[in-house]
């Protein structure tokens, strides 16, 4: 057997899927990286006929951007470059605290079914003042299938594997929140109001019983909501290294990349010039075995390279979580 369950926990599942972003779904402040890794750890395809795991996570996101009030949209719909050059008059800041429950069921060491159920608390600060909202966000349902694997050594598990992922972000979260009979700002809506499809590949290689490398890539195709808004399509990539320290602690470092297209503001096709672009995060991550099947997790995503459209500023993302392995 490999030296510990925690050693397996922190290297393979980093590849299983990409939260976006986040969050969960596509959003202007969604987290990139690999939520399945965050919640379940490296032992994605647990040994045995079946296994069931539950994870609880808290994440904090923060972003600033320029506001944009579209005028006649026909010209901008036909000419995105024109929309990009519009200078914002005002700025707004967004803070979100997201609480996510992840349920995962593994069948015969090859198929993993995952459901993620997020609850969102948001605060938007603009010139008009501070507004907040709290409600159910959009659950995600997806599956992971191991396409290929090779053994490390007899009794020591898999040395390498490649997996495929596919799923859907539902539109079950609240996207019609109102105040005084008026629909609230899109960035105060707990859900995007759209059904999004996503898919990708992941891979893992065990260097030795204490360390591994991993990588994954994913594409998310977003839909529009009933109010004409559509968050931009997203491409995500992840690369990381894991090393086990002692008997209870695993340390990891990742690079998380996200590229997003601009958001569409309305059914006419008006593009928000202060959305989309590329960002690269450096992410240190710790996981420690607390005993009795419980693993604690802590990570911080630090933006190190930004190439964002218009007036935007991505800030550090914090994540704290617990996972219980049955």
Protein backbone atom coordinates (compact mmCIF):
# COMPACT_ATOMS: atom_id res chain seq x y z
CA UNK A 1 0.00 0.00 0.00
CA UNK A 2 1.08 3.60 -0.52
CA UNK A 3 2.27 5.26 2.64
CA UNK A 4 -1.04 6.96 3.55
CA UNK A 5 -4.53 7.80 2.41
CA UNK A 6 -3.59 11.48 2.66
CA UNK A 7 -0.70 10.93 0.27
CA UNK A 8 -3.21 9.79 -2.32
CA UNK A 9 -5.67 12.49 -1.30
CA UNK A 10 -3.62 15.43 -2.48
CA UNK A 11 -2.26 14.52 -5.91
CA UNK A 12 -4.67 12.87 -8.30
CA UNK A 13 -7.98 14.62 -7.92
CA UNK A 14 -6.44 17.95 -8.72
CA UNK A 15 -7.02 16.89 -12.26
CA UNK A 16 -10.51 15.67 -11.99
CA UNK A 17 -12.30 18.86 -12.93
CA UNK A 18 -11.77 22.62 -13.31
CA UNK A 19 -14.55 26.57 -10.40
CA UNK A 20 -14.32 27.91 -12.24
CA UNK A 21 -15.41 28.73 -11.36
CA UNK A 22 -15.84 28.28 -9.90
CA UNK A 23 -17.15 29.00 -8.69
CA UNK A 24 -18.97 26.92 -9.73
CA UNK A 25 -20.43 28.45 -12.86
CA UNK A 26 -19.22 31.18 -15.13
CA UNK A 27 -19.28 34.53 -13.38
CA UNK A 28 -17.33 37.76 -13.27
CA UNK A 29 -15.48 36.70 -10.11
CA UNK A 30 -15.48 32.92 -10.43
CA UNK A 31 -12.60 30.90 -9.08
CA UNK A 32 -10.43 29.08 -11.56
CA UNK A 33 -8.59 25.91 -10.58
CA UNK A 34 -9.93 22.45 -9.86
CA UNK A 35 -12.90 22.19 -7.45
CA UNK A 36 -12.93 18.39 -7.48
CA UNK A 37 -9.34 18.36 -6.28
CA UNK A 38 -10.16 20.96 -3.67
CA UNK A 39 -13.05 18.94 -2.31
CA UNK A 40 -12.01 15.30 -2.77
CA UNK A 41 -8.23 15.19 -2.96
CA UNK A 42 -6.10 12.83 -4.99
CA UNK A 43 -7.93 9.58 -4.43
CA UNK A 44 -10.56 10.32 -7.08
CA UNK A 45 -11.08 6.65 -7.99
CA UNK A 46 -11.03 5.17 -4.52
CA UNK A 47 -10.16 1.49 -4.20
CA UNK A 48 -13.02 -0.94 -3.76
CA UNK A 49 -16.44 -1.45 -5.29
CA UNK A 50 -17.75 1.95 -4.20
CA UNK A 51 -16.98 4.93 -1.97
CA UNK A 52 -18.90 8.00 -0.86
CA UNK A 53 -17.43 11.36 0.19
CA UNK A 54 -18.81 14.64 1.49
CA UNK A 55 -16.96 17.96 1.45
CA UNK A 56 -17.79 21.40 2.87
CA UNK A 57 -16.03 24.53 1.57
CA UNK A 58 -15.92 28.24 2.26
CA UNK A 59 -14.44 30.54 -0.38
CA UNK A 60 -14.02 34.30 -0.51
CA UNK A 61 -13.77 36.15 -3.84
CA UNK A 62 -13.14 39.85 -4.42
CA UNK A 63 -12.98 41.97 -7.56
CA UNK A 64 -13.14 45.60 -8.71
CA UNK A 65 -14.22 46.78 -12.14
CA UNK A 66 -15.50 49.78 -14.04
CA UNK A 67 -19.22 50.08 -14.58
CA UNK A 68 -20.64 50.29 -18.08
CA UNK A 69 -24.02 51.68 -19.14
CA UNK A 70 -24.71 50.76 -22.76
CA UNK A 71 -26.36 53.21 -25.09
CA UNK A 72 -27.67 52.18 -28.52
CA UNK A 73 -26.31 48.66 -28.77
CA UNK A 74 -26.42 47.93 -32.49
CA UNK A 75 -23.02 49.43 -33.22
CA UNK A 76 -21.34 47.72 -30.30
CA UNK A 77 -22.92 44.37 -31.16
CA UNK A 78 -21.43 44.67 -34.64
CA UNK A 79 -18.11 46.08 -33.43
CA UNK A 80 -16.79 44.67 -30.12
CA UNK A 81 -13.64 46.80 -30.48
CA UNK A 82 -15.79 49.92 -30.18
CA UNK A 83 -17.29 48.64 -26.94
CA UNK A 84 -13.84 47.88 -25.62
CA UNK A 85 -12.75 51.50 -26.05
CA UNK A 86 -15.61 52.99 -24.03
CA UNK A 87 -14.12 54.49 -20.86
CA UNK A 88 -16.01 53.66 -17.67
CA UNK A 89 -17.28 56.58 -15.62
CA UNK A 90 -17.61 54.76 -12.31
CA UNK A 91 -16.22 51.73 -10.48
CA UNK A 92 -17.78 49.02 -8.35
CA UNK A 93 -16.35 46.35 -6.07
CA UNK A 94 -17.78 42.88 -5.51
CA UNK A 95 -17.19 40.51 -2.61
CA UNK A 96 -18.66 37.03 -2.47
CA UNK A 97 -18.57 34.42 0.27
CA UNK A 98 -19.57 31.05 -1.14
CA UNK A 99 -20.42 27.93 0.89
CA UNK A 100 -20.41 24.72 -1.15
CA UNK A 101 -21.42 21.16 -0.30
CA UNK A 102 -19.87 18.51 -2.55
CA UNK A 103 -21.20 14.94 -2.76
CA UNK A 104 -19.21 12.31 -4.66
CA UNK A 105 -19.86 8.65 -5.38
CA UNK A 106 -17.17 6.43 -6.92
CA UNK A 107 -18.12 3.17 -8.63
CA UNK A 108 -15.63 0.35 -9.33
CA UNK A 109 -12.55 2.60 -9.31
CA UNK A 110 -13.40 4.02 -12.74
CA UNK A 111 -16.49 6.26 -12.58
CA UNK A 112 -16.97 9.21 -10.25
CA UNK A 113 -20.30 11.07 -10.03
CA UNK A 114 -20.21 14.50 -8.39
CA UNK A 115 -22.81 17.06 -7.28
CA UNK A 116 -21.82 20.52 -6.02
CA UNK A 117 -24.44 22.67 -4.25
CA UNK A 118 -23.33 26.26 -3.56
CA UNK A 119 -24.93 28.98 -1.43
CA UNK A 120 -23.82 32.54 -2.11
CA UNK A 121 -23.58 35.70 -0.01
CA UNK A 122 -22.71 38.76 -2.14
CA UNK A 123 -21.94 42.41 -1.47
CA UNK A 124 -21.74 45.08 -4.17
CA UNK A 125 -20.28 48.52 -3.43
CA UNK A 126 -20.91 51.30 -5.95
CA UNK A 127 -21.37 55.08 -5.89
CA UNK A 128 -25.02 54.57 -4.87
CA UNK A 129 -23.97 52.67 -1.74
CA UNK A 130 -23.63 49.07 -0.56
CA UNK A 131 -26.10 46.33 -1.45
CA UNK A 132 -26.07 42.67 -0.46
CA UNK A 133 -27.88 39.44 -1.28
CA UNK A 134 -27.92 35.84 -0.04
CA UNK A 135 -29.45 32.79 -1.69
CA UNK A 136 -28.93 29.46 -3.45
CA UNK A 137 -26.46 29.55 -6.33
CA UNK A 138 -26.33 27.14 -9.31
CA UNK A 139 -25.69 23.44 -8.52
CA UNK A 140 -23.35 21.47 -10.80
CA UNK A 141 -23.71 17.82 -11.82
CA UNK A 142 -20.89 15.99 -13.59
CA UNK A 143 -19.06 12.74 -14.05
CA UNK A 144 -15.44 11.65 -14.39
CA UNK A 145 -14.37 8.55 -16.30
CA UNK A 146 -10.88 7.08 -16.12
CA UNK A 147 -9.83 6.42 -19.73
CA UNK A 148 -6.40 4.89 -19.06
CA UNK A 149 -4.12 4.05 -16.13
CA UNK A 150 -0.90 2.24 -15.28
CA UNK A 151 0.20 0.66 -11.99
CA UNK A 152 3.03 2.06 -9.89
CA UNK A 153 3.98 -1.28 -8.32
CA UNK A 154 2.08 -4.23 -6.82
CA UNK A 155 0.02 -2.96 -3.91
CA UNK A 156 0.98 0.72 -4.46
CA UNK A 157 -1.89 1.94 -6.63
CA UNK A 158 -1.81 3.80 -9.94
CA UNK A 159 1.31 5.51 -11.22
CA UNK A 160 -0.48 7.44 -13.95
CA UNK A 161 -3.95 7.98 -15.34
CA UNK A 162 -5.91 10.05 -17.85
CA UNK A 163 -9.55 10.99 -17.27
CA UNK A 164 -12.38 12.69 -19.14
CA UNK A 165 -14.92 14.96 -17.49
CA UNK A 166 -18.31 16.22 -18.62
CA UNK A 167 -21.23 17.90 -16.92
CA UNK A 168 -23.72 20.70 -16.59
CA UNK A 169 -24.10 23.77 -14.43
CA UNK A 170 -27.81 24.05 -13.81
CA UNK A 171 -29.92 27.21 -13.76
CA UNK A 172 -31.53 26.28 -10.43
CA UNK A 173 -29.98 29.15 -8.49
CA UNK A 174 -31.82 32.42 -7.88
CA UNK A 175 -31.52 34.84 -10.81
CA UNK A 176 -34.66 36.90 -10.23
CA UNK A 177 -33.86 38.52 -6.88
CA UNK A 178 -35.62 41.87 -6.50
CA UNK A 179 -35.62 44.84 -4.14
CA UNK A 180 -38.69 47.06 -3.99
CA UNK A 181 -40.13 45.26 -7.00
CA UNK A 182 -37.05 45.98 -9.15
CA UNK A 183 -34.68 43.24 -10.29
CA UNK A 184 -31.31 43.57 -8.64
CA UNK A 185 -27.98 44.06 -10.39
CA UNK A 186 -26.75 40.99 -12.29
CA UNK A 187 -23.74 40.72 -9.97
CA UNK A 188 -26.07 40.50 -6.94
CA UNK A 189 -27.95 37.54 -8.40
CA UNK A 190 -26.97 34.30 -6.62
CA UNK A 191 -27.23 32.27 -9.85
CA UNK A 192 -26.44 33.10 -13.46
CA UNK A 193 -29.88 32.01 -14.71
CA UNK A 194 -28.25 29.96 -17.48
CA UNK A 195 -27.55 26.32 -18.22
CA UNK A 196 -23.85 25.82 -19.00
CA UNK A 197 -22.11 22.75 -20.42
CA UNK A 198 -18.48 21.86 -19.65
CA UNK A 199 -15.96 19.17 -20.45
CA UNK A 200 -12.26 18.46 -20.24
CA UNK A 201 -9.35 16.12 -19.68
CA UNK A 202 -7.03 15.54 -16.74
CA UNK A 203 -3.85 13.55 -16.10
CA UNK A 204 -1.72 12.49 -13.15
CA UNK A 205 1.78 11.02 -12.73
CA UNK A 206 3.21 9.68 -9.49
CA UNK A 207 6.92 10.51 -9.33
CA UNK A 208 7.53 8.43 -6.20
CA UNK A 209 5.48 7.37 -3.14
CA UNK A 210 5.70 10.93 -1.75
CA UNK A 211 5.29 13.26 -4.73
CA UNK A 212 3.40 13.69 -7.99
CA UNK A 213 2.68 16.09 -10.85
CA UNK A 214 -0.71 16.76 -12.38
CA UNK A 215 -2.50 18.84 -14.99
CA UNK A 216 -5.97 19.45 -16.40
CA UNK A 217 -7.84 21.54 -18.95
CA UNK A 218 -11.52 22.38 -19.36
CA UNK A 219 -13.84 24.40 -21.58
CA UNK A 220 -17.17 25.85 -20.44
CA UNK A 221 -19.88 26.86 -22.90
CA UNK A 222 -22.22 29.31 -21.20
CA UNK A 223 -25.86 30.04 -21.95
CA UNK A 224 -27.94 33.19 -21.65
CA UNK A 225 -30.55 33.90 -19.00
CA UNK A 226 -34.14 35.14 -19.32
CA UNK A 227 -32.96 38.75 -19.04
CA UNK A 228 -30.56 38.59 -21.99
CA UNK A 229 -27.34 38.41 -19.96
CA UNK A 230 -24.72 35.79 -20.84
CA UNK A 231 -21.40 35.36 -19.06
CA UNK A 232 -18.48 34.72 -21.41
CA UNK A 233 -17.29 31.23 -22.35
CA UNK A 234 -14.35 30.06 -20.25
CA UNK A 235 -11.17 28.06 -20.87
CA UNK A 236 -9.29 26.81 -17.79
CA UNK A 237 -5.91 25.10 -17.37
CA UNK A 238 -4.11 23.80 -14.26
CA UNK A 239 -0.62 22.48 -13.54
CA UNK A 240 0.66 21.41 -10.14
CA UNK A 241 3.15 19.55 -7.97
CA UNK A 242 2.39 17.73 -4.69
CA UNK A 243 4.73 16.47 -1.97
CA UNK A 244 3.88 14.63 1.23
CA UNK A 245 5.48 15.97 4.43
CA UNK A 246 5.57 13.62 7.40
CA UNK A 247 2.63 11.31 8.04
CA UNK A 248 -0.26 13.77 8.08
CA UNK A 249 0.54 16.79 5.91
CA UNK A 250 0.59 17.31 2.13
CA UNK A 251 1.88 20.50 0.49
CA UNK A 252 1.06 21.49 -3.07
CA UNK A 253 1.73 24.36 -5.43
CA UNK A 254 -0.35 25.01 -8.54
CA UNK A 255 -0.59 27.36 -11.50
CA UNK A 256 -4.23 28.07 -12.39
CA UNK A 257 -5.02 29.80 -15.71
CA UNK A 258 -8.36 31.20 -16.85
CA UNK A 259 -9.37 32.89 -20.09
CA UNK A 260 -12.91 34.27 -20.37
CA UNK A 261 -14.71 35.97 -23.23
CA UNK A 262 -16.57 39.25 -22.61
CA UNK A 263 -20.02 39.14 -21.05
CA UNK A 264 -23.04 39.89 -23.21
CA UNK A 265 -25.27 42.45 -21.50
CA UNK A 266 -28.52 42.06 -23.43
CA UNK A 267 -30.32 40.19 -26.19
CA UNK A 268 -29.04 42.75 -28.72
CA UNK A 269 -25.50 41.48 -28.21
CA UNK A 270 -23.98 44.46 -26.35
CA UNK A 271 -20.64 43.44 -24.86
CA UNK A 272 -19.37 44.72 -21.52
CA UNK A 273 -15.83 46.06 -22.16
CA UNK A 274 -14.88 45.55 -18.50
CA UNK A 275 -15.31 41.78 -18.47
CA UNK A 276 -13.28 38.84 -19.74
CA UNK A 277 -9.58 38.43 -20.36
CA UNK A 278 -6.86 36.19 -18.96
CA UNK A 279 -5.42 35.71 -15.47
CA UNK A 280 -2.80 33.35 -14.02
CA UNK A 281 -2.84 32.44 -10.34
CA UNK A 282 -0.15 30.86 -8.15
CA UNK A 283 -1.85 28.65 -5.56
CA UNK A 284 -0.17 27.18 -2.47
CA UNK A 285 -2.31 24.47 -0.91
CA UNK A 286 -2.13 22.43 2.30
CA UNK A 287 -4.10 19.32 3.28
CA UNK A 288 -3.76 17.57 6.62
CA UNK A 289 -5.19 14.36 8.03
CA UNK A 290 -7.24 15.15 11.13
CA UNK A 291 -8.02 11.50 11.78
CA UNK A 292 -11.20 9.41 11.59
CA UNK A 293 -11.50 9.97 7.84
CA UNK A 294 -11.51 13.79 8.04
CA UNK A 295 -9.12 15.90 5.99
CA UNK A 296 -8.72 19.68 6.46
CA UNK A 297 -7.75 21.89 3.53
CA UNK A 298 -6.45 25.43 3.04
CA UNK A 299 -5.47 27.23 -0.17
CA UNK A 300 -4.87 30.77 -1.40
CA UNK A 301 -5.04 31.81 -5.06
CA UNK A 302 -2.76 34.76 -5.77
CA UNK A 303 -3.07 36.53 -9.16
CA UNK A 304 0.45 36.86 -10.58
CA UNK A 305 -0.24 37.72 -14.24
CA UNK A 306 -3.28 39.70 -15.40
CA UNK A 307 -4.33 40.51 -18.93
CA UNK A 308 -7.92 41.56 -18.30
CA UNK A 309 -10.14 43.60 -20.60
CA UNK A 310 -10.97 47.19 -19.75
CA UNK A 311 -11.04 48.30 -16.12
CA UNK A 312 -10.80 45.22 -13.87
CA UNK A 313 -8.79 44.05 -10.88
CA UNK A 314 -8.86 40.44 -9.66
CA UNK A 315 -7.85 39.89 -6.04
CA UNK A 316 -6.64 36.95 -3.94
CA UNK A 317 -9.09 34.08 -3.40
CA UNK A 318 -9.15 32.17 -0.09
CA UNK A 319 -10.50 28.65 0.43
CA UNK A 320 -10.97 26.59 3.61
CA UNK A 321 -12.63 23.18 3.65
CA UNK A 322 -13.19 19.80 5.27
CA UNK A 323 -13.67 16.45 3.55
CA UNK A 324 -15.05 13.26 5.09
CA UNK A 325 -14.13 10.00 3.40
CA UNK A 326 -16.46 7.09 4.13
